Amino acid sequence: MVEGSSPSMQNTNKIPINKAIARFINADKILLIIHENPDGDTLAAATVIYTILKKMGKSPAMVCKDQIPKPFLFLPEVNEIKHDLLFGDYDVITVIDCGDIKRTGFAERLKKFALTQKKTLINIDHHPKNDLHKIANINVVDQSVSSTSEIVYELCVRMNVEFDKNMATALLTGIYTDTGGFKHSNTSKQTLEIAGELLKNGGKIKLITQNISLNKTVPAMKLWGLALKRMHRNNNLGIVSSVITREDLVLCNACDDDLAGVVNLINTVPDSKAAILFHETSDNKIKASVRTESDRVDVSKIAAVFGGGGHKKAAGFTIDGRLEILNDSWRIVLK
């Protein structure tokens, strides 16, 4: 039971959590949007809000354009996530962990919904503000926290939600993934205090690590081996990079989910300023995942140059192109 006593969130008085709660209370049909290529944070935050709304007797639904990655199938209620729904059937739409409207996968439909009278668009997020906050009626956004799951934890506290072990495990998953297993510099005192509360309320850290950190298959390890073999360090820029092609996935009998964590590993090279993993997508594009642990580097600015976005220390972008591999060297060919 949270019962209103929790680790202090410094900026909660500056973000309209209570307005979002009031809208949840007064609405019935509420749609939760999970962003494209869903990660642990968006899935955890969405499934916990879904669970709360169900317990309140509401009629919530969850939608995500993409399939749920295998490592997160253990989360409660993920089997309830749909891949398309009629937005007009809902009084409230809440976008979870996604400041960029394009990343929802439903940009034009969301814009149309936002223009509809007597409808509410809520944005719950911890990314730097961009275009989504401009059309949302309520922006529950705090860039100072590690994850959207931290914000949802505070929402639960405000609502006097009684945690069960599934909800606690879900929010702990969101925090765990967005902090890199509590290794990234966004892990604050508050983050650890909240994690402790979630453990006290039944959160299962062993279940999380077994599914996310300790579940690498032989195909996944072979794929990681290729990425490590192709690592290149630009000494002038201090950037470490590598690539994975669609052919690599076939060769290793691997899937896109098996790439999770590779960029974090190559980001551990000493004295590097940032790490980038380029990989070809199933729709013939190149996706770049960018990471840094340096306080002097903002990788979201790098991503923004190519139309992407993210956080100061974790970002990404997608470009039209293909990868050419020759022995252990490689290059990007733009379309």
C-alpha atoms as a PDB file:
ATOM      1  CA  MET A   1       0.000   0.000   0.000  1.00  0.00           C
ATOM      2  CA  VAL A   2       1.481   3.316  -0.973  1.00  0.00           C
ATOM      3  CA  GLU A   3      -0.983   5.387   1.083  1.00  0.00           C
ATOM      4  CA  GLY A   4       0.489   8.724   0.010  1.00  0.00           C
ATOM      5  CA  SER A   5       3.917   8.343   1.636  1.00  0.00           C
ATOM      6  CA  SER A   6       6.640   8.066  -0.963  1.00  0.00           C
ATOM      7  CA  PRO A   7      10.064   9.308  -1.955  1.00  0.00           C
ATOM      8  CA  SER A   8       9.758  13.014  -2.772  1.00  0.00           C
ATOM      9  CA  MET A   9       9.586  13.939  -6.457  1.00  0.00           C
ATOM     10  CA  GLN A  10      11.060  17.421  -6.719  1.00  0.00           C
ATOM     11  CA  ASN A  11       9.024  18.701  -9.664  1.00  0.00           C
ATOM     12  CA  THR A  12       5.633  17.119  -9.049  1.00  0.00           C
ATOM     13  CA  ASN A  13       4.084  20.418  -8.002  1.00  0.00           C
ATOM     14  CA  LYS A  14       5.109  21.863 -11.362  1.00  0.00           C
ATOM     15  CA  ILE A  15       3.435  19.201 -13.495  1.00  0.00           C
ATOM     16  CA  PRO A  16      -0.372  18.752 -13.579  1.00  0.00           C
ATOM     17  CA  ILE A  17      -0.649  15.192 -12.281  1.00  0.00           C
ATOM     18  CA  ASN A  18      -3.853  16.062 -10.436  1.00  0.00           C
ATOM     19  CA  LYS A  19      -5.437  17.339 -13.656  1.00  0.00           C
ATOM     20  CA  ALA A  20      -4.712  14.009 -15.331  1.00  0.00           C
ATOM     21  CA  ILE A  21      -6.114  12.117 -12.352  1.00  0.00           C
ATOM     22  CA  ALA A  22      -9.294  14.209 -12.420  1.00  0.00           C
ATOM     23  CA  ARG A  23      -9.752  13.473 -16.111  1.00  0.00           C
ATOM     24  CA  PHE A  24      -9.251   9.748 -15.503  1.00  0.00           C
ATOM     25  CA  ILE A  25     -11.889   9.860 -12.766  1.00  0.00           C
ATOM     26  CA  ASN A  26     -14.442  11.693 -14.901  1.00  0.00           C
ATOM     27  CA  ALA A  27     -13.918   9.749 -18.136  1.00  0.00           C
ATOM     28  CA  ASP A  28     -14.906   6.186 -18.970  1.00  0.00           C
ATOM     29  CA  LYS A  29     -13.359   5.174 -22.286  1.00  0.00           C
ATOM     30  CA  ILE A  30      -9.629   5.885 -22.131  1.00  0.00           C
ATOM     31  CA  LEU A  31      -7.069   4.862 -24.741  1.00  0.00           C
ATOM     32  CA  LEU A  32      -3.385   4.480 -23.832  1.00  0.00           C
ATOM     33  CA  ILE A  33      -0.897   4.822 -26.695  1.00  0.00           C
ATOM     34  CA  ILE A  34       2.425   2.980 -26.444  1.00  0.00           C
ATOM     35  CA  HIS A  35       5.153   4.321 -28.727  1.00  0.00           C
ATOM     36  CA  GLU A  36       6.660   2.532 -31.726  1.00  0.00           C
ATOM     37  CA  ASN A  37       9.412  -0.013 -31.082  1.00  0.00           C
ATOM     38  CA  PRO A  38       8.201  -0.226 -27.477  1.00  0.00           C
ATOM     39  CA  ASP A  39      10.704  -0.382 -24.650  1.00  0.00           C
ATOM     40  CA  GLY A  40      10.329  -1.395 -21.025  1.00  0.00           C
ATOM     41  CA  ASP A  41       9.377   2.065 -19.790  1.00  0.00           C
ATOM     42  CA  THR A  42       6.483   2.768 -22.159  1.00  0.00           C
ATOM     43  CA  LEU A  43       5.116  -0.763 -21.663  1.00  0.00           C
ATOM     44  CA  ALA A  44       5.459  -0.684 -17.876  1.00  0.00           C
ATOM     45  CA  ALA A  45       3.882   2.741 -17.467  1.00  0.00           C
ATOM     46  CA  ALA A  46       1.009   1.948 -19.836  1.00  0.00           C
ATOM     47  CA  THR A  47       0.149  -1.441 -18.337  1.00  0.00           C
ATOM     48  CA  VAL A  48       0.118  -0.015 -14.802  1.00  0.00           C
ATOM     49  CA  ILE A  49      -2.193   2.853 -15.775  1.00  0.00           C
ATOM     50  CA  TYR A  50      -4.365   0.309 -17.605  1.00  0.00           C
ATOM     51  CA  THR A  51      -4.541  -1.833 -14.449  1.00  0.00           C
ATOM     52  CA  ILE A  52      -5.471   1.171 -12.289  1.00  0.00           C
ATOM     53  CA  LEU A  53      -8.234   2.234 -14.689  1.00  0.00           C
ATOM     54  CA  LYS A  54      -9.638  -1.300 -14.767  1.00  0.00           C
ATOM     55  CA  LYS A  55      -9.746  -1.358 -10.976  1.00  0.00           C
ATOM     56  CA  MET A  56     -11.621   1.958 -11.083  1.00  0.00           C
ATOM     57  CA  GLY A  57     -14.305   0.351 -13.244  1.00  0.00           C
ATOM     58  CA  LYS A  58     -13.297   2.244 -16.378  1.00  0.00           C
ATOM     59  CA  SER A  59     -13.102   0.910 -19.940  1.00  0.00           C
ATOM     60  CA  PRO A  60      -9.452   1.405 -20.914  1.00  0.00           C
ATOM     61  CA  ALA A  61      -7.602   0.059 -23.924  1.00  0.00           C
ATOM     62  CA  MET A  62      -3.962   0.004 -25.043  1.00  0.00           C
ATOM     63  CA  VAL A  63      -2.619   0.296 -28.573  1.00  0.00           C
ATOM     64  CA  CYS A  64       0.845   0.001 -30.091  1.00  0.00           C
ATOM     65  CA  LYS A  65       1.688  -0.002 -33.771  1.00  0.00           C
ATOM     66  CA  ASP A  66       4.477  -2.557 -33.344  1.00  0.00           C
ATOM     67  CA  GLN A  67       4.797  -6.015 -31.853  1.00  0.00           C
ATOM     68  CA  ILE A  68       5.845  -6.343 -28.218  1.00  0.00           C
ATOM     69  CA  PRO A  69       9.497  -7.440 -27.889  1.00  0.00           C
ATOM     70  CA  LYS A  70       9.893 -10.904 -26.391  1.00  0.00           C
ATOM     71  CA  PRO A  71      11.826  -9.765 -23.287  1.00  0.00           C
ATOM     72  CA  PHE A  72       8.758  -7.812 -22.121  1.00  0.00           C
ATOM     73  CA  LEU A  73       6.078 -10.453 -22.633  1.00  0.00           C
ATOM     74  CA  PHE A  74       6.276 -11.274 -18.920  1.00  0.00           C
ATOM     75  CA  LEU A  75       4.730  -7.912 -18.022  1.00  0.00           C
ATOM     76  CA  PRO A  76       1.116  -8.045 -16.798  1.00  0.00           C
ATOM     77  CA  GLU A  77      -1.643  -7.139 -19.260  1.00  0.00           C
ATOM     78  CA  VAL A  78       0.631  -6.956 -22.346  1.00  0.00           C
ATOM     79  CA  ASN A  79      -1.676  -9.485 -24.008  1.00  0.00           C
ATOM     80  CA  GLU A  80      -4.355  -6.774 -23.935  1.00  0.00           C
ATOM     81  CA  ILE A  81      -2.359  -4.463 -26.225  1.00  0.00           C
ATOM     82  CA  LYS A  82      -3.970  -4.023 -29.660  1.00  0.00           C
ATOM     83  CA  HIS A  83      -2.273  -2.859 -32.838  1.00  0.00           C
ATOM     84  CA  ASP A  84      -5.064  -0.613 -34.081  1.00  0.00           C
ATOM     85  CA  LEU A  85      -8.294   0.836 -32.699  1.00  0.00           C
ATOM     86  CA  LEU A  86     -10.814   3.529 -33.617  1.00  0.00           C
ATOM     87  CA  PHE A  87      -9.643   6.658 -31.812  1.00  0.00           C
ATOM     88  CA  GLY A  88     -13.061   8.265 -32.037  1.00  0.00           C
ATOM     89  CA  ASP A  89     -14.476   5.656 -29.669  1.00  0.00           C
ATOM     90  CA  TYR A  90     -12.554   7.178 -26.738  1.00  0.00           C
ATOM     91  CA  ASP A  91     -13.115  10.267 -24.596  1.00  0.00           C
ATOM     92  CA  VAL A  92      -9.494  10.496 -23.494  1.00  0.00           C
ATOM     93  CA  ILE A  93      -6.288   9.461 -25.214  1.00  0.00           C
ATOM     94  CA  THR A  94      -3.117   9.272 -23.137  1.00  0.00           C
ATOM     95  CA  VAL A  95       0.256   9.041 -24.867  1.00  0.00           C
ATOM     96  CA  ILE A  96       2.840   7.276 -22.722  1.00  0.00           C
ATOM     97  CA  ASP A  97       6.593   8.022 -22.764  1.00  0.00           C
ATOM     98  CA  CYS A  98       6.630   9.735 -26.142  1.00  0.00           C
ATOM     99  CA  GLY A  99       7.274  13.438 -26.665  1.00  0.00           C
ATOM    100  CA  ASP A 100       7.461  13.091 -30.456  1.00  0.00           C
ATOM    101  CA  ILE A 101       4.102  12.676 -32.156  1.00  0.00           C
ATOM    102  CA  LYS A 102       5.711  10.822 -35.081  1.00  0.00           C
ATOM    103  CA  ARG A 103       6.967   8.135 -32.731  1.00  0.00           C
ATOM    104  CA  THR A 104       3.422   7.246 -31.682  1.00  0.00           C
ATOM    105  CA  GLY A 105       2.850   5.740 -35.125  1.00  0.00           C
ATOM    106  CA  PHE A 106      -0.505   7.513 -35.295  1.00  0.00           C
ATOM    107  CA  ALA A 107       0.516  11.139 -35.895  1.00  0.00           C
ATOM    108  CA  GLU A 108      -2.246  12.287 -38.241  1.00  0.00           C
ATOM    109  CA  ARG A 109      -4.980  10.508 -36.309  1.00  0.00           C
ATOM    110  CA  LEU A 110      -3.786  12.055 -33.049  1.00  0.00           C
ATOM    111  CA  LYS A 111      -3.793  15.528 -34.563  1.00  0.00           C
ATOM    112  CA  LYS A 112      -7.361  14.982 -35.743  1.00  0.00           C
ATOM    113  CA  PHE A 113      -8.374  13.723 -32.282  1.00  0.00           C
ATOM    114  CA  ALA A 114      -6.785  16.759 -30.612  1.00  0.00           C
ATOM    115  CA  LEU A 115      -8.961  19.078 -32.714  1.00  0.00           C
ATOM    116  CA  THR A 116     -12.163  17.314 -31.659  1.00  0.00           C
ATOM    117  CA  GLN A 117     -14.247  19.179 -29.092  1.00  0.00           C
ATOM    118  CA  LYS A 118     -14.897  17.590 -25.697  1.00  0.00           C
ATOM    119  CA  LYS A 119     -12.005  15.182 -26.194  1.00  0.00           C
ATOM    120  CA  THR A 120      -8.850  15.192 -24.074  1.00  0.00           C
ATOM    121  CA  LEU A 121      -5.291  14.360 -25.072  1.00  0.00           C
ATOM    122  CA  ILE A 122      -2.940  13.691 -22.142  1.00  0.00           C
ATOM    123  CA  ASN A 123       0.836  13.491 -22.534  1.00  0.00           C
ATOM    124  CA  ILE A 124       2.725  11.597 -19.781  1.00  0.00           C
ATOM    125  CA  ASP A 125       6.430  11.676 -20.468  1.00  0.00           C
ATOM    126  CA  HIS A 126       9.994  12.405 -19.338  1.00  0.00           C
ATOM    127  CA  HIS A 127      11.524  13.335 -22.716  1.00  0.00           C
ATOM    128  CA  PRO A 128      12.404  16.904 -23.698  1.00  0.00           C
ATOM    129  CA  LYS A 129       9.305  18.701 -24.940  1.00  0.00           C
ATOM    130  CA  ASN A 130       8.673  18.785 -28.669  1.00  0.00           C
ATOM    131  CA  ASP A 131       5.643  18.688 -30.937  1.00  0.00           C
ATOM    132  CA  LEU A 132       3.319  16.464 -28.887  1.00  0.00           C
ATOM    133  CA  HIS A 133       3.132  18.859 -25.952  1.00  0.00           C
ATOM    134  CA  LYS A 134       1.820  21.546 -28.299  1.00  0.00           C
ATOM    135  CA  ILE A 135      -1.413  19.692 -29.047  1.00  0.00           C
ATOM    136  CA  ALA A 136      -1.982  17.924 -25.707  1.00  0.00           C
ATOM    137  CA  ASN A 137      -4.573  19.342 -23.296  1.00  0.00           C
ATOM    138  CA  ILE A 138      -2.630  18.105 -20.263  1.00  0.00           C
ATOM    139  CA  ASN A 139       1.148  17.671 -20.205  1.00  0.00           C
ATOM    140  CA  VAL A 140       2.441  15.603 -17.313  1.00  0.00           C
ATOM    141  CA  VAL A 141       6.092  15.957 -18.305  1.00  0.00           C
ATOM    142  CA  ASP A 142       9.144  15.883 -16.014  1.00  0.00           C
ATOM    143  CA  GLN A 143      12.542  15.759 -17.709  1.00  0.00           C
ATOM    144  CA  SER A 144      14.382  15.444 -14.408  1.00  0.00           C
ATOM    145  CA  VAL A 145      13.288  11.862 -13.670  1.00  0.00           C
ATOM    146  CA  SER A 146      14.834   8.654 -14.965  1.00  0.00           C
ATOM    147  CA  SER A 147      11.708   7.321 -16.618  1.00  0.00           C
ATOM    148  CA  THR A 148       8.014   7.756 -17.244  1.00  0.00           C
ATOM    149  CA  SER A 149       7.532   4.923 -14.759  1.00  0.00           C
ATOM    150  CA  GLU A 150       8.757   7.274 -12.019  1.00  0.00           C
ATOM    151  CA  ILE A 151       5.984   9.716 -12.959  1.00  0.00           C
ATOM    152  CA  VAL A 152       3.400   6.930 -12.968  1.00  0.00           C
ATOM    153  CA  TYR A 153       4.631   5.875  -9.517  1.00  0.00           C
ATOM    154  CA  GLU A 154       3.860   9.386  -8.276  1.00  0.00           C
ATOM    155  CA  LEU A 155       0.452   9.227  -9.965  1.00  0.00           C
ATOM    156  CA  CYS A 156      -0.211   6.015  -8.040  1.00  0.00           C
ATOM    157  CA  VAL A 157       0.791   7.724  -4.782  1.00  0.00           C
ATOM    158  CA  ARG A 158      -1.550  10.637  -5.436  1.00  0.00           C
ATOM    159  CA  MET A 159      -4.390   8.196  -6.131  1.00  0.00           C
ATOM    160  CA  ASN A 160      -3.667   6.088  -3.013  1.00  0.00           C
ATOM    161  CA  VAL A 161      -3.280   3.047  -5.226  1.00  0.00           C
ATOM    162  CA  GLU A 162      -2.688  -0.263  -3.494  1.00  0.00           C
ATOM    163  CA  PHE A 163       0.146  -1.971  -5.348  1.00  0.00           C
ATOM    164  CA  ASP A 164       0.044  -5.644  -6.133  1.00  0.00           C
ATOM    165  CA  LYS A 165       3.242  -7.492  -7.028  1.00  0.00           C
ATOM    166  CA  ASN A 166       2.519  -7.298 -10.761  1.00  0.00           C
ATOM    167  CA  MET A 167       2.167  -3.512 -10.748  1.00  0.00           C
ATOM    168  CA  ALA A 168       5.274  -3.120  -8.598  1.00  0.00           C
ATOM    169  CA  THR A 169       7.251  -5.408 -10.905  1.00  0.00           C
ATOM    170  CA  ALA A 170       6.059  -3.517 -13.974  1.00  0.00           C
ATOM    171  CA  LEU A 171       7.117  -0.082 -12.702  1.00  0.00           C
ATOM    172  CA  LEU A 172      10.398  -1.523 -11.460  1.00  0.00           C
ATOM    173  CA  THR A 173      10.928  -2.863 -15.008  1.00  0.00           C
ATOM    174  CA  GLY A 174      10.395   0.586 -16.505  1.00  0.00           C
ATOM    175  CA  ILE A 175      12.917   2.152 -14.156  1.00  0.00           C
ATOM    176  CA  TYR A 176      15.383  -0.729 -14.553  1.00  0.00           C
ATOM    177  CA  THR A 177      15.406  -0.531 -18.346  1.00  0.00           C
ATOM    178  CA  ASP A 178      15.646   3.253 -18.633  1.00  0.00           C
ATOM    179  CA  THR A 179      18.532   3.384 -16.152  1.00  0.00           C
ATOM    180  CA  GLY A 180      20.397   0.490 -17.768  1.00  0.00           C
ATOM    181  CA  GLY A 181      19.951  -1.664 -14.683  1.00  0.00           C
ATOM    182  CA  PHE A 182      20.690   1.344 -12.403  1.00  0.00           C
ATOM    183  CA  LYS A 183      24.046   1.902 -14.142  1.00  0.00           C
ATOM    184  CA  HIS A 184      23.306   5.113 -16.074  1.00  0.00           C
ATOM    185  CA  SER A 185      23.844   8.563 -14.635  1.00  0.00           C
ATOM    186  CA  ASN A 186      20.091   9.258 -14.629  1.00  0.00           C
ATOM    187  CA  THR A 187      19.886   6.972 -11.573  1.00  0.00           C
ATOM    188  CA  SER A 188      19.206   9.441  -8.776  1.00  0.00           C
ATOM    189  CA  LYS A 189      18.684   9.075  -5.036  1.00  0.00           C
ATOM    190  CA  GLN A 190      14.976   9.443  -5.707  1.00  0.00           C
ATOM    191  CA  THR A 191      15.121   6.699  -8.361  1.00  0.00           C
ATOM    192  CA  LEU A 192      16.685   4.253  -5.915  1.00  0.00           C
ATOM    193  CA  GLU A 193      14.223   5.185  -3.174  1.00  0.00           C
ATOM    194  CA  ILE A 194      11.284   4.518  -5.489  1.00  0.00           C
ATOM    195  CA  ALA A 195      12.857   1.234  -6.582  1.00  0.00           C
ATOM    196  CA  GLY A 196      13.146   0.292  -2.921  1.00  0.00           C
ATOM    197  CA  GLU A 197       9.464   1.048  -2.350  1.00  0.00           C
ATOM    198  CA  LEU A 198       8.524  -1.089  -5.348  1.00  0.00           C
ATOM    199  CA  LEU A 199      10.627  -3.971  -4.023  1.00  0.00           C
ATOM    200  CA  LYS A 200       8.924  -3.584  -0.656  1.00  0.00           C
ATOM    201  CA  ASN A 201       5.560  -3.838  -2.426  1.00  0.00           C
ATOM    202  CA  GLY A 202       6.418  -7.118  -4.147  1.00  0.00           C
ATOM    203  CA  GLY A 203       8.466  -6.060  -7.186  1.00  0.00           C
ATOM    204  CA  LYS A 204      10.440  -9.037  -8.477  1.00  0.00           C
ATOM    205  CA  ILE A 205      13.909  -7.900  -9.536  1.00  0.00           C
ATOM    206  CA  LYS A 206      14.998 -11.477 -10.268  1.00  0.00           C
ATOM    207  CA  LEU A 207      12.137 -11.920 -12.739  1.00  0.00           C
ATOM    208  CA  ILE A 208      13.133  -8.664 -14.440  1.00  0.00           C
ATOM    209  CA  THR A 209      16.818  -9.515 -14.779  1.00  0.00           C
ATOM    210  CA  GLN A 210      16.040 -13.048 -15.977  1.00  0.00           C
ATOM    211  CA  ASN A 211      13.881 -11.711 -18.805  1.00  0.00           C
ATOM    212  CA  ILE A 212      15.873  -8.637 -19.769  1.00  0.00           C
ATOM    213  CA  SER A 213      19.529  -9.043 -18.826  1.00  0.00           C
ATOM    214  CA  LEU A 214      20.112 -12.774 -18.523  1.00  0.00           C
ATOM    215  CA  ASN A 215      18.116 -14.213 -21.409  1.00  0.00           C
ATOM    216  CA  LYS A 216      20.591 -13.971 -24.284  1.00  0.00           C
ATOM    217  CA  THR A 217      20.142 -16.853 -26.701  1.00  0.00           C
ATOM    218  CA  VAL A 218      22.886 -18.384 -28.839  1.00  0.00           C
ATOM    219  CA  PRO A 219      21.647 -16.458 -31.926  1.00  0.00           C
ATOM    220  CA  ALA A 220      21.670 -13.229 -29.910  1.00  0.00           C
ATOM    221  CA  MET A 221      25.226 -13.816 -28.684  1.00  0.00           C
ATOM    222  CA  LYS A 222      26.397 -14.549 -32.247  1.00  0.00           C
ATOM    223  CA  LEU A 223      24.782 -11.292 -33.391  1.00  0.00           C
ATOM    224  CA  TRP A 224      26.454  -9.358 -30.585  1.00  0.00           C
ATOM    225  CA  GLY A 225      29.745 -10.957 -31.630  1.00  0.00           C
ATOM    226  CA  LEU A 226      29.380  -9.526 -35.131  1.00  0.00           C
ATOM    227  CA  ALA A 227      28.621  -6.084 -33.731  1.00  0.00           C
ATOM    228  CA  LEU A 228      31.697  -6.228 -31.501  1.00  0.00           C
ATOM    229  CA  LYS A 229      33.877  -7.492 -34.341  1.00  0.00           C
ATOM    230  CA  ARG A 230      32.897  -4.516 -36.495  1.00  0.00           C
ATOM    231  CA  MET A 231      33.413  -1.863 -33.829  1.00  0.00           C
ATOM    232  CA  HIS A 232      35.193   1.251 -35.047  1.00  0.00           C
ATOM    233  CA  ARG A 233      36.481   4.184 -33.003  1.00  0.00           C
ATOM    234  CA  ASN A 234      36.781   7.605 -34.552  1.00  0.00           C
ATOM    235  CA  ASN A 235      39.679   9.063 -32.601  1.00  0.00           C
ATOM    236  CA  ASN A 236      38.965  12.625 -33.720  1.00  0.00           C
ATOM    237  CA  LEU A 237      35.334  12.569 -32.584  1.00  0.00           C
ATOM    238  CA  GLY A 238      35.702  10.040 -29.792  1.00  0.00           C
ATOM    239  CA  ILE A 239      32.720   8.070 -31.130  1.00  0.00           C
ATOM    240  CA  VAL A 240      32.539   4.266 -31.144  1.00  0.00           C
ATOM    241  CA  SER A 241      30.214   2.735 -33.739  1.00  0.00           C
ATOM    242  CA  SER A 242      29.151  -0.567 -35.257  1.00  0.00           C
ATOM    243  CA  VAL A 243      26.595  -1.991 -37.684  1.00  0.00           C
ATOM    244  CA  ILE A 244      24.217  -4.916 -38.123  1.00  0.00           C
ATOM    245  CA  THR A 245      22.541  -5.799 -41.430  1.00  0.00           C
ATOM    246  CA  ARG A 246      19.428  -7.823 -42.251  1.00  0.00           C
ATOM    247  CA  GLU A 247      21.755 -10.507 -43.631  1.00  0.00           C
ATOM    248  CA  ASP A 248      23.406 -10.710 -40.211  1.00  0.00           C
ATOM    249  CA  LEU A 249      20.067 -11.508 -38.611  1.00  0.00           C
ATOM    250  CA  VAL A 250      19.487 -14.327 -41.096  1.00  0.00           C
ATOM    251  CA  LEU A 251      23.046 -15.642 -40.714  1.00  0.00           C
ATOM    252  CA  CYS A 252      22.715 -15.776 -36.923  1.00  0.00           C
ATOM    253  CA  ASN A 253      19.085 -16.967 -36.979  1.00  0.00           C
ATOM    254  CA  ALA A 254      18.378 -13.921 -34.807  1.00  0.00           C
ATOM    255  CA  CYS A 255      15.648 -11.269 -34.667  1.00  0.00           C
ATOM    256  CA  ASP A 256      15.482  -7.514 -34.036  1.00  0.00           C
ATOM    257  CA  ASP A 257      14.773  -8.097 -30.341  1.00  0.00           C
ATOM    258  CA  ASP A 258      18.220  -9.685 -30.021  1.00  0.00           C
ATOM    259  CA  LEU A 259      19.839  -6.290 -30.656  1.00  0.00           C
ATOM    260  CA  ALA A 260      18.568  -4.904 -27.358  1.00  0.00           C
ATOM    261  CA  GLY A 261      21.518  -3.865 -25.219  1.00  0.00           C
ATOM    262  CA  VAL A 262      24.238  -3.944 -27.884  1.00  0.00           C
ATOM    263  CA  VAL A 263      24.646  -0.162 -28.031  1.00  0.00           C
ATOM    264  CA  ASN A 264      24.954   0.006 -24.255  1.00  0.00           C
ATOM    265  CA  LEU A 265      27.780  -2.524 -24.395  1.00  0.00           C
ATOM    266  CA  ILE A 266      29.793  -0.655 -27.018  1.00  0.00           C
ATOM    267  CA  ASN A 267      29.190   2.517 -25.019  1.00  0.00           C
ATOM    268  CA  THR A 268      31.433   1.090 -22.268  1.00  0.00           C
ATOM    269  CA  VAL A 269      34.648   1.692 -24.241  1.00  0.00           C
ATOM    270  CA  PRO A 270      36.880   3.888 -22.023  1.00  0.00           C
ATOM    271  CA  ASP A 271      37.452   7.519 -23.045  1.00  0.00           C
ATOM    272  CA  SER A 272      34.753   7.435 -25.733  1.00  0.00           C
ATOM    273  CA  LYS A 273      32.316  10.341 -25.899  1.00  0.00           C
ATOM    274  CA  ALA A 274      29.409   8.426 -27.451  1.00  0.00           C
ATOM    275  CA  ALA A 275      28.420   5.151 -29.097  1.00  0.00           C
ATOM    276  CA  ILE A 276      26.246   4.562 -32.159  1.00  0.00           C
ATOM    277  CA  LEU A 277      24.796   1.295 -33.419  1.00  0.00           C
ATOM    278  CA  PHE A 278      23.439   1.354 -36.976  1.00  0.00           C
ATOM    279  CA  HIS A 279      21.170  -1.494 -38.028  1.00  0.00           C
ATOM    280  CA  GLU A 280      19.022  -2.138 -41.041  1.00  0.00           C
ATOM    281  CA  THR A 281      15.288  -2.374 -40.433  1.00  0.00           C
ATOM    282  CA  SER A 282      12.723  -4.648 -42.045  1.00  0.00           C
ATOM    283  CA  ASP A 283      11.386  -1.703 -44.097  1.00  0.00           C
ATOM    284  CA  ASN A 284      14.764  -1.084 -45.779  1.00  0.00           C
ATOM    285  CA  LYS A 285      15.935   1.821 -43.640  1.00  0.00           C
ATOM    286  CA  ILE A 286      18.789   2.335 -41.203  1.00  0.00           C
ATOM    287  CA  LYS A 287      18.027   2.904 -37.545  1.00  0.00           C
ATOM    288  CA  ALA A 288      20.677   4.470 -35.322  1.00  0.00           C
ATOM    289  CA  SER A 289      20.748   4.117 -31.542  1.00  0.00           C
ATOM    290  CA  VAL A 290      22.989   6.658 -29.815  1.00  0.00           C
ATOM    291  CA  ARG A 291      24.249   6.568 -26.216  1.00  0.00           C
ATOM    292  CA  THR A 292      26.650   8.505 -24.028  1.00  0.00           C
ATOM    293  CA  GLU A 293      27.679   8.669 -20.386  1.00  0.00           C
ATOM    294  CA  SER A 294      29.461  11.991 -20.803  1.00  0.00           C
ATOM    295  CA  ASP A 295      27.894  15.021 -19.130  1.00  0.00           C
ATOM    296  CA  ARG A 296      29.410  17.188 -21.870  1.00  0.00           C
ATOM    297  CA  VAL A 297      27.659  15.403 -24.760  1.00  0.00           C
ATOM    298  CA  ASP A 298      23.982  15.717 -25.705  1.00  0.00           C
ATOM    299  CA  VAL A 299      23.186  12.897 -28.127  1.00  0.00           C
ATOM    300  CA  SER A 300      19.619  14.143 -28.604  1.00  0.00           C
ATOM    301  CA  LYS A 301      21.120  17.049 -30.580  1.00  0.00           C
ATOM    302  CA  ILE A 302      22.952  14.567 -32.814  1.00  0.00           C
ATOM    303  CA  ALA A 303      19.714  12.664 -33.373  1.00  0.00           C
ATOM    304  CA  ALA A 304      17.793  15.878 -34.070  1.00  0.00           C
ATOM    305  CA  VAL A 305      20.074  16.670 -37.018  1.00  0.00           C
ATOM    306  CA  PHE A 306      18.703  13.527 -38.698  1.00  0.00           C
ATOM    307  CA  GLY A 307      15.080  14.062 -37.677  1.00  0.00           C
ATOM    308  CA  GLY A 308      15.242  11.916 -34.554  1.00  0.00           C
ATOM    309  CA  GLY A 309      15.140  12.677 -30.860  1.00  0.00           C
ATOM    310  CA  GLY A 310      15.415  11.325 -27.351  1.00  0.00           C
ATOM    311  CA  HIS A 311      17.253  12.219 -24.178  1.00  0.00           C
ATOM    312  CA  LYS A 312      20.560  13.948 -23.584  1.00  0.00           C
ATOM    313  CA  LYS A 313      22.219  10.568 -22.996  1.00  0.00           C
ATOM    314  CA  ALA A 314      20.036   8.196 -25.048  1.00  0.00           C
ATOM    315  CA  ALA A 315      18.588   9.021 -28.445  1.00  0.00           C
ATOM    316  CA  GLY A 316      17.963   7.651 -31.906  1.00  0.00           C
ATOM    317  CA  PHE A 317      17.074   8.410 -35.498  1.00  0.00           C
ATOM    318  CA  THR A 318      16.170   6.659 -38.757  1.00  0.00           C
ATOM    319  CA  ILE A 319      17.521   7.408 -42.232  1.00  0.00           C
ATOM    320  CA  ASP A 320      16.877   6.087 -45.733  1.00  0.00           C
ATOM    321  CA  GLY A 321      19.837   3.988 -46.782  1.00  0.00           C
ATOM    322  CA  ARG A 322      21.604   0.669 -46.650  1.00  0.00           C
ATOM    323  CA  LEU A 323      24.773  -0.759 -45.151  1.00  0.00           C
ATOM    324  CA  GLU A 324      27.650  -2.158 -47.166  1.00  0.00           C
ATOM    325  CA  ILE A 325      30.004  -4.610 -45.444  1.00  0.00           C
ATOM    326  CA  LEU A 326      33.456  -5.543 -46.734  1.00  0.00           C
ATOM    327  CA  ASN A 327      35.340  -7.891 -44.411  1.00  0.00           C
ATOM    328  CA  ASP A 328      35.303  -6.015 -41.089  1.00  0.00           C
ATOM    329  CA  SER A 329      34.890  -2.549 -42.621  1.00  0.00           C
ATOM    330  CA  TRP A 330      31.570  -0.940 -43.490  1.00  0.00           C
ATOM    331  CA  ARG A 331      29.937   2.153 -44.868  1.00  0.00           C
ATOM    332  CA  ILE A 332      26.503   3.745 -45.047  1.00  0.00           C
ATOM    333  CA  VAL A 333      25.010   4.288 -48.512  1.00  0.00           C
ATOM    334  CA  LEU A 334      22.269   6.918 -48.452  1.00  0.00           C
ATOM    335  CA  LYS A 335      19.311   6.689 -50.813  1.00  0.00           C
END
